[in-house]
Amino acid sequence: MVKHSKRYRALAAKATEDSLPLEKAVEILKGYNTTKFDQTVDCAMRLGIDPKQADQLVRGAIVLPHGIGKELRVVVFAKGDNVRLAEEAGADSVGAEDLAKKIKDGWLDFDACIATPDMMGLVGPLGRVLGPRGLMPSPRAGTVTPDVARVVKEYKAGKVEFRNDSTGIVHAVVGKMSFDQEKLIENIRAFTNQILSMKPAAAKGIYVKSIAIAGTMSPGVRVSL
């Protein structure tokens, strides 16, 4: 059982179980910004999908209007001219066999992994390492692409990936507690609108069952649908 700090328990005691309009929910959440570090803000949506059905999965990526408050570390599998293009776009590490060996040996000091289609034969065997950490390049997420420069720039600007878990919940980082209230609202709205637009045709009944936002070390706040 998770043991919460005295600070967290005091905030939780004052928290409401009611679902609130987004503007009010963000206002309350920012009132929880009493830590010595800048908490990351996460938005979670419980969806009415069957996660066991492949045609009901919700997965993708989005560039939030105001980024996420940190610069992502991006690695790229590429060769030829794409090496130069990826480096010029800001990639932190670009390689092929050398990069694959480094990752096999345990190096995972990055937040996003991008690959050109012709490199997937090399990247495929790394799935056992990258997959469980959500770092495996995927055409569906847009991280397998011939246009590496564009995608690197998107991730450096704060692009975030998302996918539903085994319980049908999808979540993503939407900013920092230090963000202006309006910027947090716009980021959260962009994320929720993206999920709404991706309702699987096979999903029946209520699509979005609940939405909540929370800081790294703060109680969650329910957002009215």
C-alpha atoms as a PDB file:
ATOM      1  CA  MET A   1       0.000   0.000   0.000  1.00  0.00           C
ATOM      2  CA  VAL A   2       1.343   3.444  -0.962  1.00  0.00           C
ATOM      3  CA  LYS A   3       2.231   5.640   2.011  1.00  0.00           C
ATOM      4  CA  HIS A   4       1.583   9.321   1.363  1.00  0.00           C
ATOM      5  CA  SER A   5       3.327  12.254   3.020  1.00  0.00           C
ATOM      6  CA  LYS A   6       1.708  14.455   5.648  1.00  0.00           C
ATOM      7  CA  ARG A   7       1.489  17.232   3.019  1.00  0.00           C
ATOM      8  CA  TYR A   8      -0.333  14.941   0.573  1.00  0.00           C
ATOM      9  CA  ARG A   9      -2.769  13.675   3.211  1.00  0.00           C
ATOM     10  CA  ALA A  10      -3.599  17.252   4.243  1.00  0.00           C
ATOM     11  CA  LEU A  11      -4.358  18.200   0.623  1.00  0.00           C
ATOM     12  CA  ALA A  12      -6.363  15.024   0.047  1.00  0.00           C
ATOM     13  CA  ALA A  13      -8.495  15.776   3.109  1.00  0.00           C
ATOM     14  CA  LYS A  14      -9.566  19.057   1.503  1.00  0.00           C
ATOM     15  CA  ALA A  15     -10.024  17.619  -1.993  1.00  0.00           C
ATOM     16  CA  THR A  16     -13.479  17.211  -3.512  1.00  0.00           C
ATOM     17  CA  GLU A  17     -14.815  14.104  -5.233  1.00  0.00           C
ATOM     18  CA  ASP A  18     -17.028  16.248  -7.449  1.00  0.00           C
ATOM     19  CA  SER A  19     -16.253  16.659 -11.139  1.00  0.00           C
ATOM     20  CA  LEU A  20     -15.463  20.282 -11.917  1.00  0.00           C
ATOM     21  CA  PRO A  21     -15.300  22.448 -15.043  1.00  0.00           C
ATOM     22  CA  LEU A  22     -11.796  22.394 -16.508  1.00  0.00           C
ATOM     23  CA  GLU A  23     -11.003  25.984 -15.519  1.00  0.00           C
ATOM     24  CA  LYS A  24     -11.950  25.351 -11.866  1.00  0.00           C
ATOM     25  CA  ALA A  25     -10.166  21.975 -11.809  1.00  0.00           C
ATOM     26  CA  VAL A  26      -6.912  23.571 -12.988  1.00  0.00           C
ATOM     27  CA  GLU A  27      -7.279  26.363 -10.448  1.00  0.00           C
ATOM     28  CA  ILE A  28      -7.596  23.828  -7.623  1.00  0.00           C
ATOM     29  CA  LEU A  29      -4.740  21.711  -8.976  1.00  0.00           C
ATOM     30  CA  LYS A  30      -2.397  24.712  -9.077  1.00  0.00           C
ATOM     31  CA  GLY A  31      -3.284  25.307  -5.434  1.00  0.00           C
ATOM     32  CA  TYR A  32      -1.538  21.984  -4.708  1.00  0.00           C
ATOM     33  CA  ASN A  33       1.760  23.422  -5.960  1.00  0.00           C
ATOM     34  CA  THR A  34       3.440  23.407  -2.538  1.00  0.00           C
ATOM     35  CA  THR A  35       6.456  21.206  -3.271  1.00  0.00           C
ATOM     36  CA  LYS A  36      10.039  22.404  -3.628  1.00  0.00           C
ATOM     37  CA  PHE A  37      10.178  21.147  -7.223  1.00  0.00           C
ATOM     38  CA  ASP A  38       8.054  21.853 -10.272  1.00  0.00           C
ATOM     39  CA  GLN A  39       5.551  19.016 -10.424  1.00  0.00           C
ATOM     40  CA  THR A  40       4.627  17.403 -13.746  1.00  0.00           C
ATOM     41  CA  VAL A  41       0.914  17.522 -14.558  1.00  0.00           C
ATOM     42  CA  ASP A  42      -0.744  14.417 -15.990  1.00  0.00           C
ATOM     43  CA  CYS A  43      -4.190  14.025 -17.568  1.00  0.00           C
ATOM     44  CA  ALA A  44      -5.901  10.613 -17.437  1.00  0.00           C
ATOM     45  CA  MET A  45      -9.059   9.574 -19.282  1.00  0.00           C
ATOM     46  CA  ARG A  46     -10.974   6.364 -18.533  1.00  0.00           C
ATOM     47  CA  LEU A  47     -12.441   5.158 -21.814  1.00  0.00           C
ATOM     48  CA  GLY A  48     -15.329   2.853 -22.588  1.00  0.00           C
ATOM     49  CA  ILE A  49     -13.274   0.568 -24.816  1.00  0.00           C
ATOM     50  CA  ASP A  50     -12.339  -3.111 -24.672  1.00  0.00           C
ATOM     51  CA  PRO A  51      -8.529  -3.021 -24.439  1.00  0.00           C
ATOM     52  CA  LYS A  52      -8.368  -6.694 -25.459  1.00  0.00           C
ATOM     53  CA  GLN A  53      -9.747  -5.887 -28.898  1.00  0.00           C
ATOM     54  CA  ALA A  54      -7.169  -4.665 -31.413  1.00  0.00           C
ATOM     55  CA  ASP A  55      -9.766  -2.536 -33.217  1.00  0.00           C
ATOM     56  CA  GLN A  56     -10.522  -0.576 -30.044  1.00  0.00           C
ATOM     57  CA  LEU A  57      -7.007   0.512 -29.084  1.00  0.00           C
ATOM     58  CA  VAL A  58      -6.380   4.233 -28.708  1.00  0.00           C
ATOM     59  CA  ARG A  59      -2.791   5.161 -29.482  1.00  0.00           C
ATOM     60  CA  GLY A  60      -1.056   8.135 -31.007  1.00  0.00           C
ATOM     61  CA  ALA A  61       0.935  11.293 -30.337  1.00  0.00           C
ATOM     62  CA  ILE A  62       0.285  14.996 -30.084  1.00  0.00           C
ATOM     63  CA  VAL A  63       2.302  18.208 -30.085  1.00  0.00           C
ATOM     64  CA  LEU A  64       0.789  20.234 -27.256  1.00  0.00           C
ATOM     65  CA  PRO A  65       0.298  23.986 -27.820  1.00  0.00           C
ATOM     66  CA  HIS A  66       2.691  24.929 -24.997  1.00  0.00           C
ATOM     67  CA  GLY A  67       4.951  21.877 -24.787  1.00  0.00           C
ATOM     68  CA  ILE A  68       5.435  19.881 -21.599  1.00  0.00           C
ATOM     69  CA  GLY A  69       7.972  22.012 -19.751  1.00  0.00           C
ATOM     70  CA  LYS A  70      11.053  19.930 -20.515  1.00  0.00           C
ATOM     71  CA  GLU A  71      13.195  19.200 -23.533  1.00  0.00           C
ATOM     72  CA  LEU A  72      12.987  15.558 -24.542  1.00  0.00           C
ATOM     73  CA  ARG A  73      16.101  13.531 -25.278  1.00  0.00           C
ATOM     74  CA  VAL A  74      15.693  12.035 -28.760  1.00  0.00           C
ATOM     75  CA  VAL A  75      17.662   9.258 -30.467  1.00  0.00           C
ATOM     76  CA  VAL A  76      17.376   8.381 -34.144  1.00  0.00           C
ATOM     77  CA  PHE A  77      18.175   5.265 -36.149  1.00  0.00           C
ATOM     78  CA  ALA A  78      19.200   6.486 -39.583  1.00  0.00           C
ATOM     79  CA  LYS A  79      21.897   6.350 -42.251  1.00  0.00           C
ATOM     80  CA  GLY A  80      23.048   8.398 -45.198  1.00  0.00           C
ATOM     81  CA  ASP A  81      21.722  11.950 -45.529  1.00  0.00           C
ATOM     82  CA  ASN A  82      19.170  11.303 -42.771  1.00  0.00           C
ATOM     83  CA  VAL A  83      21.988  11.290 -40.210  1.00  0.00           C
ATOM     84  CA  ARG A  84      22.824  14.911 -41.018  1.00  0.00           C
ATOM     85  CA  LEU A  85      19.148  15.928 -41.171  1.00  0.00           C
ATOM     86  CA  ALA A  86      18.423  14.370 -37.765  1.00  0.00           C
ATOM     87  CA  GLU A  87      21.462  16.023 -36.181  1.00  0.00           C
ATOM     88  CA  GLU A  88      20.572  19.422 -37.644  1.00  0.00           C
ATOM     89  CA  ALA A  89      17.026  19.028 -36.278  1.00  0.00           C
ATOM     90  CA  GLY A  90      18.418  18.579 -32.771  1.00  0.00           C
ATOM     91  CA  ALA A  91      18.608  14.817 -32.230  1.00  0.00           C
ATOM     92  CA  ASP A  92      20.725  13.943 -29.187  1.00  0.00           C
ATOM     93  CA  SER A  93      22.135  10.753 -30.693  1.00  0.00           C
ATOM     94  CA  VAL A  94      22.020   9.334 -34.237  1.00  0.00           C
ATOM     95  CA  GLY A  95      23.348   5.970 -35.337  1.00  0.00           C
ATOM     96  CA  ALA A  96      22.760   2.485 -36.670  1.00  0.00           C
ATOM     97  CA  GLU A  97      24.552  -0.694 -35.542  1.00  0.00           C
ATOM     98  CA  ASP A  98      26.548   1.299 -32.991  1.00  0.00           C
ATOM     99  CA  LEU A  99      23.402   2.750 -31.450  1.00  0.00           C
ATOM    100  CA  ALA A 100      21.674  -0.651 -31.432  1.00  0.00           C
ATOM    101  CA  LYS A 101      24.609  -2.206 -29.569  1.00  0.00           C
ATOM    102  CA  LYS A 102      24.654   0.629 -27.049  1.00  0.00           C
ATOM    103  CA  ILE A 103      20.955   0.073 -26.298  1.00  0.00           C
ATOM    104  CA  LYS A 104      21.391  -3.725 -26.097  1.00  0.00           C
ATOM    105  CA  ASP A 105      24.123  -3.113 -23.532  1.00  0.00           C
ATOM    106  CA  GLY A 106      21.648  -1.263 -21.330  1.00  0.00           C
ATOM    107  CA  TRP A 107      21.805   2.413 -22.344  1.00  0.00           C
ATOM    108  CA  LEU A 108      18.321   3.944 -22.189  1.00  0.00           C
ATOM    109  CA  ASP A 109      19.058   7.568 -21.340  1.00  0.00           C
ATOM    110  CA  PHE A 110      16.494   9.035 -23.762  1.00  0.00           C
ATOM    111  CA  ASP A 111      12.777   9.873 -23.959  1.00  0.00           C
ATOM    112  CA  ALA A 112      11.921   9.134 -27.587  1.00  0.00           C
ATOM    113  CA  CYS A 113      13.281   6.836 -30.273  1.00  0.00           C
ATOM    114  CA  ILE A 114      12.753   7.544 -33.982  1.00  0.00           C
ATOM    115  CA  ALA A 115      13.712   5.385 -36.957  1.00  0.00           C
ATOM    116  CA  THR A 116      13.559   5.603 -40.729  1.00  0.00           C
ATOM    117  CA  PRO A 117      11.647   2.688 -42.344  1.00  0.00           C
ATOM    118  CA  ASP A 118      14.823   1.151 -43.786  1.00  0.00           C
ATOM    119  CA  MET A 119      16.275   0.810 -40.262  1.00  0.00           C
ATOM    120  CA  MET A 120      13.461  -1.301 -38.786  1.00  0.00           C
ATOM    121  CA  GLY A 121      15.257  -4.547 -39.584  1.00  0.00           C
ATOM    122  CA  LEU A 122      17.942  -3.379 -37.163  1.00  0.00           C
ATOM    123  CA  VAL A 123      15.547  -1.860 -34.639  1.00  0.00           C
ATOM    124  CA  GLY A 124      13.066  -4.764 -34.561  1.00  0.00           C
ATOM    125  CA  PRO A 125      15.157  -7.039 -32.297  1.00  0.00           C
ATOM    126  CA  LEU A 126      15.368  -4.201 -29.750  1.00  0.00           C
ATOM    127  CA  GLY A 127      11.642  -4.512 -29.110  1.00  0.00           C
ATOM    128  CA  ARG A 128      12.223  -6.609 -25.997  1.00  0.00           C
ATOM    129  CA  VAL A 129      14.181  -3.717 -24.487  1.00  0.00           C
ATOM    130  CA  LEU A 130      12.352  -0.706 -25.917  1.00  0.00           C
ATOM    131  CA  GLY A 131       8.791  -2.076 -25.952  1.00  0.00           C
ATOM    132  CA  PRO A 132       8.187  -2.397 -22.188  1.00  0.00           C
ATOM    133  CA  ARG A 133       9.430   1.187 -21.733  1.00  0.00           C
ATOM    134  CA  GLY A 134       7.191   2.616 -24.445  1.00  0.00           C
ATOM    135  CA  LEU A 135      10.199   3.583 -26.565  1.00  0.00           C
ATOM    136  CA  MET A 136       9.787   1.242 -29.549  1.00  0.00           C
ATOM    137  CA  PRO A 137       9.449   3.168 -32.830  1.00  0.00           C
ATOM    138  CA  SER A 138       6.009   2.692 -34.381  1.00  0.00           C
ATOM    139  CA  PRO A 139       4.372   3.867 -37.629  1.00  0.00           C
ATOM    140  CA  ARG A 140       1.131   4.412 -35.704  1.00  0.00           C
ATOM    141  CA  ALA A 141       2.848   6.794 -33.292  1.00  0.00           C
ATOM    142  CA  GLY A 142       4.673   8.491 -36.154  1.00  0.00           C
ATOM    143  CA  THR A 143       8.127   7.494 -34.895  1.00  0.00           C
ATOM    144  CA  VAL A 144       8.861   5.335 -37.948  1.00  0.00           C
ATOM    145  CA  THR A 145       9.154   7.936 -40.666  1.00  0.00           C
ATOM    146  CA  PRO A 146      11.244   8.976 -43.680  1.00  0.00           C
ATOM    147  CA  ASP A 147      10.896  12.608 -42.526  1.00  0.00           C
ATOM    148  CA  VAL A 148      13.153  12.375 -39.476  1.00  0.00           C
ATOM    149  CA  ALA A 149      13.909  16.106 -39.321  1.00  0.00           C
ATOM    150  CA  ARG A 150      10.232  17.047 -38.874  1.00  0.00           C
ATOM    151  CA  VAL A 151       9.557  14.390 -36.244  1.00  0.00           C
ATOM    152  CA  VAL A 152      12.713  15.197 -34.264  1.00  0.00           C
ATOM    153  CA  LYS A 153      11.684  18.865 -34.164  1.00  0.00           C
ATOM    154  CA  GLU A 154       8.206  17.874 -32.952  1.00  0.00           C
ATOM    155  CA  TYR A 155       9.576  15.803 -30.082  1.00  0.00           C
ATOM    156  CA  LYS A 156      12.085  18.468 -29.123  1.00  0.00           C
ATOM    157  CA  ALA A 157       9.156  20.896 -29.003  1.00  0.00           C
ATOM    158  CA  GLY A 158       7.297  18.651 -26.542  1.00  0.00           C
ATOM    159  CA  LYS A 159       5.403  16.026 -28.547  1.00  0.00           C
ATOM    160  CA  VAL A 160       3.966  13.319 -26.294  1.00  0.00           C
ATOM    161  CA  GLU A 161       2.903   9.775 -27.108  1.00  0.00           C
ATOM    162  CA  PHE A 162      -0.055   8.028 -25.528  1.00  0.00           C
ATOM    163  CA  ARG A 163      -1.752   4.643 -25.587  1.00  0.00           C
ATOM    164  CA  ASN A 164      -4.476   3.053 -23.506  1.00  0.00           C
ATOM    165  CA  ASP A 165      -3.433   0.588 -20.811  1.00  0.00           C
ATOM    166  CA  SER A 166      -4.998  -2.795 -20.004  1.00  0.00           C
ATOM    167  CA  THR A 167      -7.816  -1.129 -18.052  1.00  0.00           C
ATOM    168  CA  GLY A 168      -8.823   1.273 -20.834  1.00  0.00           C
ATOM    169  CA  ILE A 169      -7.164   4.339 -19.316  1.00  0.00           C
ATOM    170  CA  VAL A 170      -5.119   6.650 -21.534  1.00  0.00           C
ATOM    171  CA  HIS A 171      -2.960   9.376 -20.045  1.00  0.00           C
ATOM    172  CA  ALA A 172      -0.262  11.852 -20.980  1.00  0.00           C
ATOM    173  CA  VAL A 173       1.922  14.572 -19.531  1.00  0.00           C
ATOM    174  CA  VAL A 174       0.262  17.921 -20.237  1.00  0.00           C
ATOM    175  CA  GLY A 175       2.681  20.384 -18.642  1.00  0.00           C
ATOM    176  CA  LYS A 176       4.100  21.619 -15.349  1.00  0.00           C
ATOM    177  CA  MET A 177       2.533  23.159 -12.252  1.00  0.00           C
ATOM    178  CA  SER A 178       4.480  26.358 -13.005  1.00  0.00           C
ATOM    179  CA  PHE A 179       2.603  26.839 -16.293  1.00  0.00           C
ATOM    180  CA  ASP A 180       0.152  29.730 -16.445  1.00  0.00           C
ATOM    181  CA  GLN A 181      -3.369  28.497 -15.806  1.00  0.00           C
ATOM    182  CA  GLU A 182      -4.461  29.305 -19.359  1.00  0.00           C
ATOM    183  CA  LYS A 183      -1.561  27.359 -20.875  1.00  0.00           C
ATOM    184  CA  LEU A 184      -2.406  24.292 -18.796  1.00  0.00           C
ATOM    185  CA  ILE A 185      -6.044  24.572 -19.812  1.00  0.00           C
ATOM    186  CA  GLU A 186      -5.138  24.808 -23.501  1.00  0.00           C
ATOM    187  CA  ASN A 187      -2.789  21.808 -23.262  1.00  0.00           C
ATOM    188  CA  ILE A 188      -5.363  19.688 -21.439  1.00  0.00           C
ATOM    189  CA  ARG A 189      -8.093  20.679 -23.881  1.00  0.00           C
ATOM    190  CA  ALA A 190      -5.855  19.805 -26.847  1.00  0.00           C
ATOM    191  CA  PHE A 191      -5.139  16.357 -25.385  1.00  0.00           C
ATOM    192  CA  THR A 192      -8.757  15.549 -24.498  1.00  0.00           C
ATOM    193  CA  ASN A 193      -9.988  16.765 -27.886  1.00  0.00           C
ATOM    194  CA  GLN A 194      -7.417  14.528 -29.574  1.00  0.00           C
ATOM    195  CA  ILE A 195      -8.676  11.489 -27.656  1.00  0.00           C
ATOM    196  CA  LEU A 196     -12.297  12.398 -28.423  1.00  0.00           C
ATOM    197  CA  SER A 197     -11.484  12.539 -32.134  1.00  0.00           C
ATOM    198  CA  MET A 198      -9.996   9.027 -32.015  1.00  0.00           C
ATOM    199  CA  LYS A 199     -13.054   7.087 -30.827  1.00  0.00           C
ATOM    200  CA  PRO A 200     -12.766   3.599 -32.358  1.00  0.00           C
ATOM    201  CA  ALA A 201     -15.685   2.700 -34.618  1.00  0.00           C
ATOM    202  CA  ALA A 202     -16.006  -0.620 -32.768  1.00  0.00           C
ATOM    203  CA  ALA A 203     -16.377   1.020 -29.335  1.00  0.00           C
ATOM    204  CA  LYS A 204     -19.957   0.911 -28.056  1.00  0.00           C
ATOM    205  CA  GLY A 205     -21.722   2.934 -25.359  1.00  0.00           C
ATOM    206  CA  ILE A 206     -20.121   5.790 -23.440  1.00  0.00           C
ATOM    207  CA  TYR A 207     -16.681   6.551 -24.861  1.00  0.00           C
ATOM    208  CA  VAL A 208     -15.204   8.840 -22.174  1.00  0.00           C
ATOM    209  CA  LYS A 209     -16.242   7.742 -18.683  1.00  0.00           C
ATOM    210  CA  SER A 210     -14.117  10.092 -16.603  1.00  0.00           C
ATOM    211  CA  ILE A 211     -11.252  12.589 -16.771  1.00  0.00           C
ATOM    212  CA  ALA A 212      -8.829  13.549 -14.016  1.00  0.00           C
ATOM    213  CA  ILE A 213      -5.745  15.738 -13.728  1.00  0.00           C
ATOM    214  CA  ALA A 214      -3.015  15.414 -11.120  1.00  0.00           C
ATOM    215  CA  GLY A 215       0.468  16.590 -10.213  1.00  0.00           C
ATOM    216  CA  THR A 216       3.400  14.280  -9.506  1.00  0.00           C
ATOM    217  CA  MET A 217       2.889  14.475  -5.727  1.00  0.00           C
ATOM    218  CA  SER A 218      -0.640  15.832  -5.435  1.00  0.00           C
ATOM    219  CA  PRO A 219      -4.200  14.461  -5.272  1.00  0.00           C
ATOM    220  CA  GLY A 220      -6.116  14.189  -8.514  1.00  0.00           C
ATOM    221  CA  VAL A 221      -8.934  16.526  -9.519  1.00  0.00           C
ATOM    222  CA  ARG A 222     -11.880  15.173 -11.508  1.00  0.00           C
ATOM    223  CA  VAL A 223     -12.881  17.143 -14.596  1.00  0.00           C
ATOM    224  CA  SER A 224     -16.498  17.281 -15.731  1.00  0.00           C
ATOM    225  CA  LEU A 225     -17.110  15.815 -19.182  1.00  0.00           C
END
